[in-house]
Protein backbone atom coordinates (compact mmCIF):
# COMPACT_ATOMS: atom_id res chain seq x y z
CA UNK A 1 45.18 47.85 -88.86
CA UNK A 2 42.49 45.18 -88.58
CA UNK A 3 42.66 42.78 -85.66
CA UNK A 4 43.96 39.33 -86.65
CA UNK A 5 41.87 36.28 -85.82
CA UNK A 6 43.98 33.14 -85.81
CA UNK A 7 44.10 29.57 -84.53
CA UNK A 8 46.90 27.68 -82.84
CA UNK A 9 46.32 23.96 -83.27
CA UNK A 10 48.21 21.49 -81.10
CA UNK A 11 48.14 17.72 -81.35
CA UNK A 12 48.21 15.24 -78.50
CA UNK A 13 48.34 11.44 -78.41
CA UNK A 14 44.96 9.91 -77.54
CA UNK A 15 44.20 6.50 -76.14
CA UNK A 16 41.76 4.41 -78.15
CA UNK A 17 40.19 6.00 -81.22
CA UNK A 18 41.92 9.35 -81.89
CA UNK A 19 39.19 10.42 -84.33
CA UNK A 20 36.61 10.12 -81.52
CA UNK A 21 38.79 11.97 -78.98
CA UNK A 22 37.43 15.35 -77.93
CA UNK A 23 38.56 18.53 -79.63
CA UNK A 24 39.50 21.01 -76.87
CA UNK A 25 39.51 24.75 -77.46
CA UNK A 26 39.63 28.15 -75.83
CA UNK A 27 40.13 31.81 -76.80
CA UNK A 28 42.80 34.32 -75.85
CA UNK A 29 42.03 37.91 -76.83
CA UNK A 30 44.59 40.72 -77.06
CA UNK A 31 44.36 44.22 -78.56
CA UNK A 32 45.93 42.98 -81.82
CA UNK A 33 45.08 39.27 -82.05
CA UNK A 34 42.22 37.00 -81.10
CA UNK A 35 43.66 33.48 -80.89
CA UNK A 36 41.75 30.27 -80.51
CA UNK A 37 43.81 27.35 -79.22
CA UNK A 38 42.52 24.01 -80.46
CA UNK A 39 43.71 20.61 -79.26
CA UNK A 40 43.20 17.62 -81.55
CA UNK A 41 44.18 13.94 -81.43
CA UNK A 42 44.78 13.25 -85.14
CA UNK A 43 45.73 14.93 -88.39
CA UNK A 44 42.19 14.29 -89.65
CA UNK A 45 40.75 16.12 -86.66
CA UNK A 46 43.20 18.96 -87.26
CA UNK A 47 42.06 19.38 -90.86
CA UNK A 48 38.40 19.36 -89.86
CA UNK A 49 38.95 21.71 -86.90
CA UNK A 50 40.92 24.13 -89.10
CA UNK A 51 38.25 24.14 -91.82
CA UNK A 52 35.50 24.68 -89.25
CA UNK A 53 37.34 27.45 -87.40
CA UNK A 54 38.23 29.33 -90.58
CA UNK A 55 34.61 29.19 -91.78
CA UNK A 56 32.96 29.86 -88.41
CA UNK A 57 35.26 32.58 -87.05
CA UNK A 58 36.69 34.15 -90.22
CA UNK A 59 40.27 33.32 -89.29
CA UNK A 60 43.10 34.89 -91.23
CA UNK A 61 45.80 32.38 -90.24
CA UNK A 62 46.45 28.99 -88.66
CA UNK A 63 49.59 28.09 -86.75
CA UNK A 64 50.42 24.47 -85.97
CA UNK A 65 52.41 23.17 -83.02
CA UNK A 66 55.74 21.43 -83.45
CA UNK A 67 54.09 18.02 -83.09
CA UNK A 68 52.95 18.23 -86.70
CA UNK A 69 55.41 16.65 -89.06
CA UNK A 70 55.91 17.84 -92.62
CA UNK A 71 53.11 15.67 -93.95
CA UNK A 72 50.70 16.79 -91.22
CA UNK A 73 51.43 20.44 -91.98
CA UNK A 74 50.79 19.81 -95.67
CA UNK A 75 47.46 18.14 -94.89
CA UNK A 76 46.23 21.11 -92.85
CA UNK A 77 47.59 23.67 -95.34
CA UNK A 78 45.68 21.90 -98.12
CA UNK A 79 42.50 21.87 -96.01
CA UNK A 80 42.18 25.66 -95.60
CA UNK A 81 42.43 28.78 -97.71
CA UNK A 82 44.46 30.90 -95.25
CA UNK A 83 48.19 31.03 -94.48
CA UNK A 84 49.42 28.12 -92.33
CA UNK A 85 52.56 28.47 -90.22
CA UNK A 86 54.27 25.99 -87.95
CA UNK A 87 56.41 25.86 -84.82
CA UNK A 88 59.17 23.33 -85.57
CA UNK A 89 60.32 20.43 -83.45
CA UNK A 90 61.66 17.53 -85.47
CA UNK A 91 61.79 15.55 -82.24
CA UNK A 92 58.94 16.88 -80.12
CA UNK A 93 59.38 16.58 -76.34
CA UNK A 94 55.64 16.14 -75.75
CA UNK A 95 55.43 13.27 -78.23
CA UNK A 96 58.16 11.05 -76.85
CA UNK A 97 60.92 12.66 -78.90
CA UNK A 98 59.49 11.87 -82.35
CA UNK A 99 57.72 13.74 -85.14
CA UNK A 100 53.94 13.62 -85.37
CA UNK A 101 54.34 11.99 -88.78
CA UNK A 102 55.68 8.89 -87.05
CA UNK A 103 52.82 8.78 -84.54
CA UNK A 104 49.82 9.97 -86.49
CA UNK A 105 50.39 8.53 -89.99
CA UNK A 106 50.07 4.83 -90.57
CA UNK A 107 52.23 3.11 -93.15
């Protein structure tokens, strides 16, 4: 069985301009999975980081943290050509008890 390369993308609130906030990342390697954890400050950054990681590292999957709401998950899933999964929190404890959709989508 071939080793899976995957990304776990988590989202965090950023002060100021979330698009300009740094993207943080680091690898964890196991015998069966190489996982890159990527922290982003907006859905737009998540889409770009996912596209870049899939292309650059040949990822076979992307998993999103529970801070992504339904619309955020759809945005990332539409941005890449690999399976996208999600950890679910409808009221995320790290985001003040709300969905990322409420925080990261305007309007």
